[in-house]
Amino acid sequence: MMPDQEPEDNLNPKENEIPVLPMSSESCVPQGLTLEAIVDLTGEMEHLNELVMLHLEKEGGFTTPSSYFMTVQPVLDLLEFEIRIRSCPGMTQKEMKLVIQDWIDEEIAERKRKKN
């Protein structure tokens, strides 16, 4: 039996390997990664920023750091919750990207419907 790969090895796969995110066996949540790291690894940071900007626009733009965080934190919390309920052991970065991408797309569409 081969030992488990270290999490760092999963994030830096060898050529032609699909990177697998390190998951906690108890909760199916990416282990040892912040939300920012997960979004960055999946390449969805710019997409998430588009959603954040729509939220800020609705609230009248960026006025103070406090108002920024009061607007943005609920969005990040909802994304984190989505990741928690839709992630599973053995999930690849590509699969996680699709989870995040789909959620952001749905949120953007909802934001735009409310705007009209």
PDB file of N, CA and C in Angstrom:
ATOM      1  N   MET A   1       0.844  -1.185   0.000  1.00  0.00           N
ATOM      2  CA  MET A   1       0.000   0.000   0.000  1.00  0.00           C
ATOM      3  C   MET A   1       0.883   1.238   0.000  1.00  0.00           C
ATOM      4  N   MET A   2       0.557   2.184  -0.856  1.00  0.00           N
ATOM      5  CA  MET A   2       1.363   3.388  -0.973  1.00  0.00           C
ATOM      6  C   MET A   2       0.876   4.434   0.020  1.00  0.00           C
ATOM      7  N   PRO A   3       1.795   5.225   0.568  1.00  0.00           N
ATOM      8  CA  PRO A   3       1.377   6.296   1.491  1.00  0.00           C
ATOM      9  C   PRO A   3       0.604   7.369   0.744  1.00  0.00           C
ATOM     10  N   ASP A   4      -0.258   8.060   1.484  1.00  0.00           N
ATOM     11  CA  ASP A   4      -1.021   9.166   0.897  1.00  0.00           C
ATOM     12  C   ASP A   4      -0.072  10.244   0.422  1.00  0.00           C
ATOM     13  N   GLN A   5      -0.455  10.912  -0.654  1.00  0.00           N
ATOM     14  CA  GLN A   5       0.327  12.042  -1.133  1.00  0.00           C
ATOM     15  C   GLN A   5       0.161  13.199  -0.179  1.00  0.00           C
ATOM     16  N   GLU A   6       1.211  13.973  -0.027  1.00  0.00           N
ATOM     17  CA  GLU A   6       1.126  15.187   0.768  1.00  0.00           C
ATOM     18  C   GLU A   6       0.231  16.171   0.024  1.00  0.00           C
ATOM     19  N   PRO A   7      -0.528  17.026   0.748  1.00  0.00           N
ATOM     20  CA  PRO A   7      -1.411  17.983   0.082  1.00  0.00           C
ATOM     21  C   PRO A   7      -0.689  18.848  -0.943  1.00  0.00           C
ATOM     22  N   GLU A   8       0.559  19.252  -0.654  1.00  0.00           N
ATOM     23  CA  GLU A   8       1.277  20.100  -1.591  1.00  0.00           C
ATOM     24  C   GLU A   8       1.461  19.391  -2.924  1.00  0.00           C
ATOM     25  N   ASP A   9       1.660  18.048  -2.883  1.00  0.00           N
ATOM     26  CA  ASP A   9       1.830  17.297  -4.115  1.00  0.00           C
ATOM     27  C   ASP A   9       0.561  17.324  -4.951  1.00  0.00           C
ATOM     28  N   ASN A  10      -0.586  17.339  -4.294  1.00  0.00           N
ATOM     29  CA  ASN A  10      -1.853  17.383  -5.007  1.00  0.00           C
ATOM     30  C   ASN A  10      -2.036  18.701  -5.746  1.00  0.00           C
ATOM     31  N   LEU A  11      -1.514  19.779  -5.180  1.00  0.00           N
ATOM     32  CA  LEU A  11      -1.709  21.093  -5.766  1.00  0.00           C
ATOM     33  C   LEU A  11      -0.690  21.379  -6.863  1.00  0.00           C
ATOM     34  N   ASN A  12       0.368  20.578  -6.943  1.00  0.00           N
ATOM     35  CA  ASN A  12       1.385  20.722  -7.978  1.00  0.00           C
ATOM     36  C   ASN A  12       1.533  19.384  -8.687  1.00  0.00           C
ATOM     37  N   PRO A  13       0.532  19.011  -9.489  1.00  0.00           N
ATOM     38  CA  PRO A  13       0.543  17.688 -10.108  1.00  0.00           C
ATOM     39  C   PRO A  13       1.629  17.552 -11.161  1.00  0.00           C
ATOM     40  N   LYS A  14       1.996  16.311 -11.406  1.00  0.00           N
ATOM     41  CA  LYS A  14       2.925  16.022 -12.483  1.00  0.00           C
ATOM     42  C   LYS A  14       2.175  16.157 -13.799  1.00  0.00           C
ATOM     43  N   GLU A  15       2.910  16.263 -14.879  1.00  0.00           N
ATOM     44  CA  GLU A  15       2.303  16.438 -16.194  1.00  0.00           C
ATOM     45  C   GLU A  15       1.264  15.357 -16.467  1.00  0.00           C
ATOM     46  N   ASN A  16       0.138  15.733 -17.060  1.00  0.00           N
ATOM     47  CA  ASN A  16      -0.965  14.841 -17.435  1.00  0.00           C
ATOM     48  C   ASN A  16      -1.743  14.279 -16.249  1.00  0.00           C
ATOM     49  N   GLU A  17      -1.515  14.754 -15.045  1.00  0.00           N
ATOM     50  CA  GLU A  17      -2.294  14.318 -13.889  1.00  0.00           C
ATOM     51  C   GLU A  17      -3.323  15.398 -13.572  1.00  0.00           C
ATOM     52  N   ILE A  18      -4.477  14.974 -13.128  1.00  0.00           N
ATOM     53  CA  ILE A  18      -5.517  15.915 -12.719  1.00  0.00           C
ATOM     54  C   ILE A  18      -5.319  16.189 -11.234  1.00  0.00           C
ATOM     55  N   PRO A  19      -5.111  17.451 -10.857  1.00  0.00           N
ATOM     56  CA  PRO A  19      -4.898  17.757  -9.449  1.00  0.00           C
ATOM     57  C   PRO A  19      -6.154  17.492  -8.622  1.00  0.00           C
ATOM     58  N   VAL A  20      -5.959  16.842  -7.489  1.00  0.00           N
ATOM     59  CA  VAL A  20      -7.056  16.551  -6.574  1.00  0.00           C
ATOM     60  C   VAL A  20      -6.889  17.451  -5.361  1.00  0.00           C
ATOM     61  N   LEU A  21      -7.968  18.103  -4.962  1.00  0.00           N
ATOM     62  CA  LEU A  21      -7.914  18.966  -3.792  1.00  0.00           C
ATOM     63  C   LEU A  21      -7.890  18.114  -2.530  1.00  0.00           C
ATOM     64  N   PRO A  22      -7.058  18.463  -1.552  1.00  0.00           N
ATOM     65  CA  PRO A  22      -7.035  17.706  -0.301  1.00  0.00           C
ATOM     66  C   PRO A  22      -8.324  17.936   0.475  1.00  0.00           C
ATOM     67  N   MET A  23      -9.070  16.865   0.743  1.00  0.00           N
ATOM     68  CA  MET A  23     -10.360  16.987   1.426  1.00  0.00           C
ATOM     69  C   MET A  23     -10.296  16.362   2.813  1.00  0.00           C
ATOM     70  N   SER A  24     -11.019  16.944   3.722  1.00  0.00           N
ATOM     71  CA  SER A  24     -11.206  16.357   5.038  1.00  0.00           C
ATOM     72  C   SER A  24     -12.183  15.200   4.884  1.00  0.00           C
ATOM     73  N   SER A  25     -11.823  14.035   5.389  1.00  0.00           N
ATOM     74  CA  SER A  25     -12.703  12.869   5.229  1.00  0.00           C
ATOM     75  C   SER A  25     -14.005  13.012   5.999  1.00  0.00           C
ATOM     76  N   GLU A  26     -14.006  13.811   7.050  1.00  0.00           N
ATOM     77  CA  GLU A  26     -15.215  13.966   7.855  1.00  0.00           C
ATOM     78  C   GLU A  26     -16.209  14.937   7.235  1.00  0.00           C
ATOM     79  N   SER A  27     -15.726  16.017   6.610  1.00  0.00           N
ATOM     80  CA  SER A  27     -16.650  17.055   6.187  1.00  0.00           C
ATOM     81  C   SER A  27     -16.683  17.317   4.686  1.00  0.00           C
ATOM     82  N   CYS A  28     -15.842  16.646   3.913  1.00  0.00           N
ATOM     83  CA  CYS A  28     -15.803  16.861   2.462  1.00  0.00           C
ATOM     84  C   CYS A  28     -15.511  18.310   2.104  1.00  0.00           C
ATOM     85  N   VAL A  29     -14.703  18.974   2.902  1.00  0.00           N
ATOM     86  CA  VAL A  29     -14.321  20.356   2.655  1.00  0.00           C
ATOM     87  C   VAL A  29     -12.837  20.376   2.330  1.00  0.00           C
ATOM     88  N   PRO A  30     -12.418  21.170   1.347  1.00  0.00           N
ATOM     89  CA  PRO A  30     -10.991  21.253   1.059  1.00  0.00           C
ATOM     90  C   PRO A  30     -10.211  21.561   2.335  1.00  0.00           C
ATOM     91  N   GLN A  31      -9.248  20.717   2.616  1.00  0.00           N
ATOM     92  CA  GLN A  31      -8.517  20.763   3.873  1.00  0.00           C
ATOM     93  C   GLN A  31      -7.300  21.671   3.767  1.00  0.00           C
ATOM     94  N   GLY A  32      -7.149  22.543   4.745  1.00  0.00           N
ATOM     95  CA  GLY A  32      -5.975  23.385   4.829  1.00  0.00           C
ATOM     96  C   GLY A  32      -5.928  24.502   3.795  1.00  0.00           C
ATOM     97  N   LEU A  33      -7.059  24.804   3.173  1.00  0.00           N
ATOM     98  CA  LEU A  33      -7.109  25.867   2.177  1.00  0.00           C
ATOM     99  C   LEU A  33      -8.138  26.912   2.587  1.00  0.00           C
ATOM    100  N   THR A  34      -7.776  28.162   2.425  1.00  0.00           N
ATOM    101  CA  THR A  34      -8.736  29.234   2.687  1.00  0.00           C
ATOM    102  C   THR A  34      -9.655  29.369   1.479  1.00  0.00           C
ATOM    103  N   LEU A  35     -10.747  30.061   1.662  1.00  0.00           N
ATOM    104  CA  LEU A  35     -11.656  30.323   0.548  1.00  0.00           C
ATOM    105  C   LEU A  35     -10.905  31.049  -0.565  1.00  0.00           C
ATOM    106  N   GLU A  36     -10.091  32.011  -0.191  1.00  0.00           N
ATOM    107  CA  GLU A  36      -9.312  32.754  -1.185  1.00  0.00           C
ATOM    108  C   GLU A  36      -8.396  31.821  -1.973  1.00  0.00           C
ATOM    109  N   ALA A  37      -7.741  30.877  -1.287  1.00  0.00           N
ATOM    110  CA  ALA A  37      -6.844  29.937  -1.963  1.00  0.00           C
ATOM    111  C   ALA A  37      -7.614  29.036  -2.921  1.00  0.00           C
ATOM    112  N   ILE A  38      -8.781  28.580  -2.504  1.00  0.00           N
ATOM    113  CA  ILE A  38      -9.599  27.714  -3.367  1.00  0.00           C
ATOM    114  C   ILE A  38     -10.034  28.470  -4.615  1.00  0.00           C
ATOM    115  N   VAL A  39     -10.519  29.688  -4.436  1.00  0.00           N
ATOM    116  CA  VAL A  39     -10.963  30.493  -5.583  1.00  0.00           C
ATOM    117  C   VAL A  39      -9.776  30.791  -6.491  1.00  0.00           C
ATOM    118  N   ASP A  40      -8.636  31.082  -5.909  1.00  0.00           N
ATOM    119  CA  ASP A  40      -7.434  31.364  -6.697  1.00  0.00           C
ATOM    120  C   ASP A  40      -6.972  30.123  -7.467  1.00  0.00           C
ATOM    121  N   LEU A  41      -6.944  28.964  -6.801  1.00  0.00           N
ATOM    122  CA  LEU A  41      -6.529  27.716  -7.451  1.00  0.00           C
ATOM    123  C   LEU A  41      -7.423  27.354  -8.636  1.00  0.00           C
ATOM    124  N   THR A  42      -8.686  27.703  -8.541  1.00  0.00           N
ATOM    125  CA  THR A  42      -9.627  27.361  -9.607  1.00  0.00           C
ATOM    126  C   THR A  42      -9.662  28.416 -10.712  1.00  0.00           C
ATOM    127  N   GLY A  43      -8.967  29.527 -10.507  1.00  0.00           N
ATOM    128  CA  GLY A  43      -8.941  30.573 -11.524  1.00  0.00           C
ATOM    129  C   GLY A  43     -10.213  31.383 -11.601  1.00  0.00           C
ATOM    130  N   GLU A  44     -10.990  31.398 -10.511  1.00  0.00           N
ATOM    131  CA  GLU A  44     -12.288  32.080 -10.529  1.00  0.00           C
ATOM    132  C   GLU A  44     -12.288  33.428  -9.802  1.00  0.00           C
ATOM    133  N   MET A  45     -11.098  33.941  -9.460  1.00  0.00           N
ATOM    134  CA  MET A  45     -11.030  35.195  -8.709  1.00  0.00           C
ATOM    135  C   MET A  45     -11.630  36.366  -9.496  1.00  0.00           C
ATOM    136  N   GLU A  46     -11.306  36.487 -10.757  1.00  0.00           N
ATOM    137  CA  GLU A  46     -11.834  37.586 -11.570  1.00  0.00           C
ATOM    138  C   GLU A  46     -13.351  37.469 -11.721  1.00  0.00           C
ATOM    139  N   HIS A  47     -13.826  36.244 -11.878  1.00  0.00           N
ATOM    140  CA  HIS A  47     -15.262  35.990 -11.998  1.00  0.00           C
ATOM    141  C   HIS A  47     -15.969  36.382 -10.701  1.00  0.00           C
ATOM    142  N   LEU A  48     -15.390  36.009  -9.566  1.00  0.00           N
ATOM    143  CA  LEU A  48     -15.954  36.377  -8.265  1.00  0.00           C
ATOM    144  C   LEU A  48     -15.951  37.893  -8.101  1.00  0.00           C
ATOM    145  N   ASN A  49     -14.901  38.536  -8.563  1.00  0.00           N
ATOM    146  CA  ASN A  49     -14.819  39.987  -8.472  1.00  0.00           C
ATOM    147  C   ASN A  49     -15.956  40.659  -9.250  1.00  0.00           C
ATOM    148  N   GLU A  50     -16.326  40.072 -10.379  1.00  0.00           N
ATOM    149  CA  GLU A  50     -17.456  40.600 -11.162  1.00  0.00           C
ATOM    150  C   GLU A  50     -18.736  40.599 -10.313  1.00  0.00           C
ATOM    151  N   LEU A  51     -18.961  39.514  -9.591  1.00  0.00           N
ATOM    152  CA  LEU A  51     -20.131  39.424  -8.721  1.00  0.00           C
ATOM    153  C   LEU A  51     -20.045  40.442  -7.582  1.00  0.00           C
ATOM    154  N   VAL A  52     -18.882  40.550  -6.982  1.00  0.00           N
ATOM    155  CA  VAL A  52     -18.690  41.507  -5.888  1.00  0.00           C
ATOM    156  C   VAL A  52     -18.972  42.926  -6.373  1.00  0.00           C
ATOM    157  N   MET A  53     -18.495  43.256  -7.563  1.00  0.00           N
ATOM    158  CA  MET A  53     -18.714  44.603  -8.102  1.00  0.00           C
ATOM    159  C   MET A  53     -20.205  44.875  -8.328  1.00  0.00           C
ATOM    160  N   LEU A  54     -20.957  43.863  -8.750  1.00  0.00           N
ATOM    161  CA  LEU A  54     -22.405  44.036  -8.905  1.00  0.00           C
ATOM    162  C   LEU A  54     -23.064  44.328  -7.563  1.00  0.00           C
ATOM    163  N   HIS A  55     -22.630  43.637  -6.529  1.00  0.00           N
ATOM    164  CA  HIS A  55     -23.169  43.884  -5.189  1.00  0.00           C
ATOM    165  C   HIS A  55     -22.817  45.296  -4.715  1.00  0.00           C
ATOM    166  N   LEU A  56     -21.581  45.698  -4.934  1.00  0.00           N
ATOM    167  CA  LEU A  56     -21.161  47.034  -4.506  1.00  0.00           C
ATOM    168  C   LEU A  56     -21.913  48.120  -5.264  1.00  0.00           C
ATOM    169  N   GLU A  57     -22.119  47.892  -6.552  1.00  0.00           N
ATOM    170  CA  GLU A  57     -22.864  48.849  -7.374  1.00  0.00           C
ATOM    171  C   GLU A  57     -24.274  49.045  -6.825  1.00  0.00           C
ATOM    172  N   LYS A  58     -24.910  47.944  -6.440  1.00  0.00           N
ATOM    173  CA  LYS A  58     -26.264  48.014  -5.891  1.00  0.00           C
ATOM    174  C   LYS A  58     -26.300  48.812  -4.588  1.00  0.00           C
ATOM    175  N   GLU A  59     -25.220  48.708  -3.822  1.00  0.00           N
ATOM    176  CA  GLU A  59     -25.153  49.397  -2.529  1.00  0.00           C
ATOM    177  C   GLU A  59     -24.608  50.817  -2.642  1.00  0.00           C
ATOM    178  N   GLY A  60     -24.422  51.305  -3.853  1.00  0.00           N
ATOM    179  CA  GLY A  60     -23.970  52.686  -4.029  1.00  0.00           C
ATOM    180  C   GLY A  60     -22.473  52.836  -4.189  1.00  0.00           C
ATOM    181  N   GLY A  61     -21.780  51.749  -4.416  1.00  0.00           N
ATOM    182  CA  GLY A  61     -20.337  51.817  -4.636  1.00  0.00           C
ATOM    183  C   GLY A  61     -19.539  51.662  -3.355  1.00  0.00           C
ATOM    184  N   PHE A  62     -18.247  51.771  -3.507  1.00  0.00           N
ATOM    185  CA  PHE A  62     -17.327  51.637  -2.371  1.00  0.00           C
ATOM    186  C   PHE A  62     -17.270  52.968  -1.652  1.00  0.00           C
ATOM    187  N   THR A  63     -17.723  52.977  -0.401  1.00  0.00           N
ATOM    188  CA  THR A  63     -17.700  54.231   0.368  1.00  0.00           C
ATOM    189  C   THR A  63     -16.676  54.173   1.497  1.00  0.00           C
ATOM    190  N   THR A  64     -16.720  53.113   2.278  1.00  0.00           N
ATOM    191  CA  THR A  64     -15.751  52.941   3.370  1.00  0.00           C
ATOM    192  C   THR A  64     -15.348  51.470   3.433  1.00  0.00           C
ATOM    193  N   PRO A  65     -14.200  51.181   4.039  1.00  0.00           N
ATOM    194  CA  PRO A  65     -13.821  49.768   4.194  1.00  0.00           C
ATOM    195  C   PRO A  65     -14.888  48.970   4.946  1.00  0.00           C
ATOM    196  N   SER A  66     -15.494  49.585   5.928  1.00  0.00           N
ATOM    197  CA  SER A  66     -16.523  48.907   6.716  1.00  0.00           C
ATOM    198  C   SER A  66     -17.732  48.542   5.846  1.00  0.00           C
ATOM    199  N   SER A  67     -18.188  49.488   5.043  1.00  0.00           N
ATOM    200  CA  SER A  67     -19.347  49.208   4.184  1.00  0.00           C
ATOM    201  C   SER A  67     -18.994  48.170   3.129  1.00  0.00           C
ATOM    202  N   TYR A  68     -17.749  48.200   2.650  1.00  0.00           N
ATOM    203  CA  TYR A  68     -17.287  47.207   1.682  1.00  0.00           C
ATOM    204  C   TYR A  68     -17.411  45.806   2.269  1.00  0.00           C
ATOM    205  N   PHE A  69     -16.873  45.616   3.475  1.00  0.00           N
ATOM    206  CA  PHE A  69     -16.909  44.293   4.094  1.00  0.00           C
ATOM    207  C   PHE A  69     -18.324  43.865   4.463  1.00  0.00           C
ATOM    208  N   MET A  70     -19.178  44.824   4.837  1.00  0.00           N
ATOM    209  CA  MET A  70     -20.567  44.483   5.146  1.00  0.00           C
ATOM    210  C   MET A  70     -21.306  44.014   3.895  1.00  0.00           C
ATOM    211  N   THR A  71     -20.897  44.495   2.733  1.00  0.00           N
ATOM    212  CA  THR A  71     -21.514  44.090   1.468  1.00  0.00           C
ATOM    213  C   THR A  71     -20.926  42.781   0.962  1.00  0.00           C
ATOM    214  N   VAL A  72     -19.614  42.647   1.052  1.00  0.00           N
ATOM    215  CA  VAL A  72     -18.910  41.517   0.448  1.00  0.00           C
ATOM    216  C   VAL A  72     -18.941  40.252   1.308  1.00  0.00           C
ATOM    217  N   GLN A  73     -18.866  40.400   2.621  1.00  0.00           N
ATOM    218  CA  GLN A  73     -18.771  39.221   3.502  1.00  0.00           C
ATOM    219  C   GLN A  73     -19.927  38.244   3.322  1.00  0.00           C
ATOM    220  N   PRO A  74     -21.177  38.695   3.219  1.00  0.00           N
ATOM    221  CA  PRO A  74     -22.267  37.737   2.985  1.00  0.00           C
ATOM    222  C   PRO A  74     -22.114  36.952   1.680  1.00  0.00           C
ATOM    223  N   VAL A  75     -21.575  37.590   0.644  1.00  0.00           N
ATOM    224  CA  VAL A  75     -21.351  36.908  -0.634  1.00  0.00           C
ATOM    225  C   VAL A  75     -20.324  35.798  -0.444  1.00  0.00           C
ATOM    226  N   LEU A  76     -19.239  36.110   0.241  1.00  0.00           N
ATOM    227  CA  LEU A  76     -18.194  35.116   0.490  1.00  0.00           C
ATOM    228  C   LEU A  76     -18.707  33.985   1.370  1.00  0.00           C
ATOM    229  N   ASP A  77     -19.529  34.322   2.354  1.00  0.00           N
ATOM    230  CA  ASP A  77     -20.108  33.289   3.222  1.00  0.00           C
ATOM    231  C   ASP A  77     -20.988  32.332   2.429  1.00  0.00           C
ATOM    232  N   LEU A  78     -21.794  32.876   1.513  1.00  0.00           N
ATOM    233  CA  LEU A  78     -22.655  32.026   0.682  1.00  0.00           C
ATOM    234  C   LEU A  78     -21.832  31.123  -0.237  1.00  0.00           C
ATOM    235  N   LEU A  79     -20.751  31.659  -0.794  1.00  0.00           N
ATOM    236  CA  LEU A  79     -19.883  30.847  -1.641  1.00  0.00           C
ATOM    237  C   LEU A  79     -19.230  29.734  -0.828  1.00  0.00           C
ATOM    238  N   GLU A  80     -18.771  30.062   0.358  1.00  0.00           N
ATOM    239  CA  GLU A  80     -18.155  29.043   1.221  1.00  0.00           C
ATOM    240  C   GLU A  80     -19.164  27.943   1.553  1.00  0.00           C
ATOM    241  N   PHE A  81     -20.397  28.321   1.837  1.00  0.00           N
ATOM    242  CA  PHE A  81     -21.438  27.339   2.132  1.00  0.00           C
ATOM    243  C   PHE A  81     -21.674  26.437   0.922  1.00  0.00           C
ATOM    244  N   GLU A  82     -21.728  27.033  -0.261  1.00  0.00           N
ATOM    245  CA  GLU A  82     -21.929  26.262  -1.498  1.00  0.00           C
ATOM    246  C   GLU A  82     -20.806  25.243  -1.686  1.00  0.00           C
ATOM    247  N   ILE A  83     -19.590  25.667  -1.431  1.00  0.00           N
ATOM    248  CA  ILE A  83     -18.448  24.756  -1.547  1.00  0.00           C
ATOM    249  C   ILE A  83     -18.583  23.623  -0.542  1.00  0.00           C
ATOM    250  N   ARG A  84     -18.983  23.937   0.679  1.00  0.00           N
ATOM    251  CA  ARG A  84     -19.134  22.903   1.716  1.00  0.00           C
ATOM    252  C   ARG A  84     -20.180  21.857   1.329  1.00  0.00           C
ATOM    253  N   ILE A  85     -21.292  22.288   0.746  1.00  0.00           N
ATOM    254  CA  ILE A  85     -22.341  21.309   0.454  1.00  0.00           C
ATOM    255  C   ILE A  85     -22.117  20.560  -0.855  1.00  0.00           C
ATOM    256  N   ARG A  86     -21.319  21.131  -1.754  1.00  0.00           N
ATOM    257  CA  ARG A  86     -21.144  20.485  -3.061  1.00  0.00           C
ATOM    258  C   ARG A  86     -19.794  19.801  -3.251  1.00  0.00           C
ATOM    259  N   SER A  87     -18.891  19.920  -2.288  1.00  0.00           N
ATOM    260  CA  SER A  87     -17.588  19.277  -2.450  1.00  0.00           C
ATOM    261  C   SER A  87     -17.630  17.855  -1.906  1.00  0.00           C
ATOM    262  N   CYS A  88     -16.734  17.017  -2.424  1.00  0.00           N
ATOM    263  CA  CYS A  88     -16.669  15.628  -1.991  1.00  0.00           C
ATOM    264  C   CYS A  88     -15.240  15.112  -2.124  1.00  0.00           C
ATOM    265  N   PRO A  89     -14.905  14.032  -1.397  1.00  0.00           N
ATOM    266  CA  PRO A  89     -13.545  13.495  -1.459  1.00  0.00           C
ATOM    267  C   PRO A  89     -13.163  13.133  -2.897  1.00  0.00           C
ATOM    268  N   GLY A  90     -11.917  13.420  -3.241  1.00  0.00           N
ATOM    269  CA  GLY A  90     -11.420  13.101  -4.574  1.00  0.00           C
ATOM    270  C   GLY A  90     -11.755  14.131  -5.632  1.00  0.00           C
ATOM    271  N   MET A  91     -12.377  15.219  -5.216  1.00  0.00           N
ATOM    272  CA  MET A  91     -12.769  16.254  -6.157  1.00  0.00           C
ATOM    273  C   MET A  91     -11.534  16.918  -6.757  1.00  0.00           C
ATOM    274  N   THR A  92     -11.562  17.110  -8.061  1.00  0.00           N
ATOM    275  CA  THR A  92     -10.435  17.743  -8.742  1.00  0.00           C
ATOM    276  C   THR A  92     -10.601  19.260  -8.750  1.00  0.00           C
ATOM    277  N   GLN A  93      -9.521  19.948  -9.082  1.00  0.00           N
ATOM    278  CA  GLN A  93      -9.591  21.402  -9.206  1.00  0.00           C
ATOM    279  C   GLN A  93     -10.607  21.785 -10.271  1.00  0.00           C
ATOM    280  N   LYS A  94     -10.668  21.042 -11.356  1.00  0.00           N
ATOM    281  CA  LYS A  94     -11.612  21.343 -12.433  1.00  0.00           C
ATOM    282  C   LYS A  94     -13.051  21.203 -11.941  1.00  0.00           C
ATOM    283  N   GLU A  95     -13.325  20.151 -11.173  1.00  0.00           N
ATOM    284  CA  GLU A  95     -14.677  19.970 -10.627  1.00  0.00           C
ATOM    285  C   GLU A  95     -15.023  21.089  -9.652  1.00  0.00           C
ATOM    286  N   MET A  96     -14.044  21.485  -8.823  1.00  0.00           N
ATOM    287  CA  MET A  96     -14.279  22.582  -7.885  1.00  0.00           C
ATOM    288  C   MET A  96     -14.495  23.884  -8.650  1.00  0.00           C
ATOM    289  N   LYS A  97     -13.747  24.070  -9.720  1.00  0.00           N
ATOM    290  CA  LYS A  97     -13.926  25.263 -10.557  1.00  0.00           C
ATOM    291  C   LYS A  97     -15.363  25.331 -11.059  1.00  0.00           C
ATOM    292  N   LEU A  98     -15.900  24.203 -11.496  1.00  0.00           N
ATOM    293  CA  LEU A  98     -17.273  24.185 -12.005  1.00  0.00           C
ATOM    294  C   LEU A  98     -18.287  24.509 -10.914  1.00  0.00           C
ATOM    295  N   VAL A  99     -18.055  24.033  -9.698  1.00  0.00           N
ATOM    296  CA  VAL A  99     -18.934  24.362  -8.567  1.00  0.00           C
ATOM    297  C   VAL A  99     -18.950  25.867  -8.361  1.00  0.00           C
ATOM    298  N   ILE A 100     -17.769  26.455  -8.294  1.00  0.00           N
ATOM    299  CA  ILE A 100     -17.656  27.892  -8.034  1.00  0.00           C
ATOM    300  C   ILE A 100     -18.200  28.692  -9.216  1.00  0.00           C
ATOM    301  N   GLN A 101     -17.814  28.308 -10.409  1.00  0.00           N
ATOM    302  CA  GLN A 101     -18.252  29.008 -11.621  1.00  0.00           C
ATOM    303  C   GLN A 101     -19.773  28.989 -11.755  1.00  0.00           C
ATOM    304  N   ASP A 102     -20.381  27.828 -11.547  1.00  0.00           N
ATOM    305  CA  ASP A 102     -21.843  27.717 -11.646  1.00  0.00           C
ATOM    306  C   ASP A 102     -22.536  28.607 -10.627  1.00  0.00           C
ATOM    307  N   TRP A 103     -22.033  28.594  -9.389  1.00  0.00           N
ATOM    308  CA  TRP A 103     -22.648  29.394  -8.340  1.00  0.00           C
ATOM    309  C   TRP A 103     -22.547  30.878  -8.676  1.00  0.00           C
ATOM    310  N   ILE A 104     -21.354  31.314  -9.095  1.00  0.00           N
ATOM    311  CA  ILE A 104     -21.169  32.729  -9.437  1.00  0.00           C
ATOM    312  C   ILE A 104     -22.078  33.116 -10.600  1.00  0.00           C
ATOM    313  N   ASP A 105     -22.147  32.271 -11.622  1.00  0.00           N
ATOM    314  CA  ASP A 105     -23.015  32.560 -12.773  1.00  0.00           C
ATOM    315  C   ASP A 105     -24.472  32.720 -12.343  1.00  0.00           C
ATOM    316  N   GLU A 106     -24.939  31.843 -11.469  1.00  0.00           N
ATOM    317  CA  GLU A 106     -26.320  31.933 -10.972  1.00  0.00           C
ATOM    318  C   GLU A 106     -26.542  33.224 -10.192  1.00  0.00           C
ATOM    319  N   GLU A 107     -25.579  33.580  -9.355  1.00  0.00           N
ATOM    320  CA  GLU A 107     -25.696  34.803  -8.551  1.00  0.00           C
ATOM    321  C   GLU A 107     -25.684  36.052  -9.429  1.00  0.00           C
ATOM    322  N   ILE A 108     -24.821  36.057 -10.439  1.00  0.00           N
ATOM    323  CA  ILE A 108     -24.765  37.198 -11.358  1.00  0.00           C
ATOM    324  C   ILE A 108     -26.086  37.327 -12.112  1.00  0.00           C
ATOM    325  N   ALA A 109     -26.610  36.216 -12.603  1.00  0.00           N
ATOM    326  CA  ALA A 109     -27.886  36.239 -13.319  1.00  0.00           C
ATOM    327  C   ALA A 109     -29.001  36.770 -12.412  1.00  0.00           C
ATOM    328  N   GLU A 110     -29.025  36.311 -11.168  1.00  0.00           N
ATOM    329  CA  GLU A 110     -30.029  36.776 -10.207  1.00  0.00           C
ATOM    330  C   GLU A 110     -29.889  38.268  -9.950  1.00  0.00           C
ATOM    331  N   ARG A 111     -28.675  38.746  -9.773  1.00  0.00           N
ATOM    332  CA  ARG A 111     -28.387  40.167  -9.541  1.00  0.00           C
ATOM    333  C   ARG A 111     -28.883  40.999 -10.707  1.00  0.00           C
ATOM    334  N   LYS A 112     -28.623  40.520 -11.927  1.00  0.00           N
ATOM    335  CA  LYS A 112     -29.025  41.265 -13.124  1.00  0.00           C
ATOM    336  C   LYS A 112     -30.538  41.263 -13.300  1.00  0.00           C
ATOM    337  N   ARG A 113     -31.200  40.163 -12.919  1.00  0.00           N
ATOM    338  CA  ARG A 113     -32.675  40.131 -12.983  1.00  0.00           C
ATOM    339  C   ARG A 113     -33.262  41.151 -12.019  1.00  0.00           C
ATOM    340  N   LYS A 114     -32.698  41.232 -10.831  1.00  0.00           N
ATOM    341  CA  LYS A 114     -33.199  42.185  -9.827  1.00  0.00           C
ATOM    342  C   LYS A 114     -32.949  43.613 -10.251  1.00  0.00           C
ATOM    343  N   LYS A 115     -31.897  43.829 -11.032  1.00  0.00           N
ATOM    344  CA  LYS A 115     -31.523  45.172 -11.474  1.00  0.00           C
ATOM    345  C   LYS A 115     -32.526  45.719 -12.479  1.00  0.00           C
ATOM    346  N   ASN A 116     -33.105  44.840 -13.287  1.00  0.00           N
ATOM    347  CA  ASN A 116     -34.040  45.268 -14.347  1.00  0.00           C
ATOM    348  C   ASN A 116     -35.444  45.426 -13.837  1.00  0.00           C
TER     349      ASN A 116
END
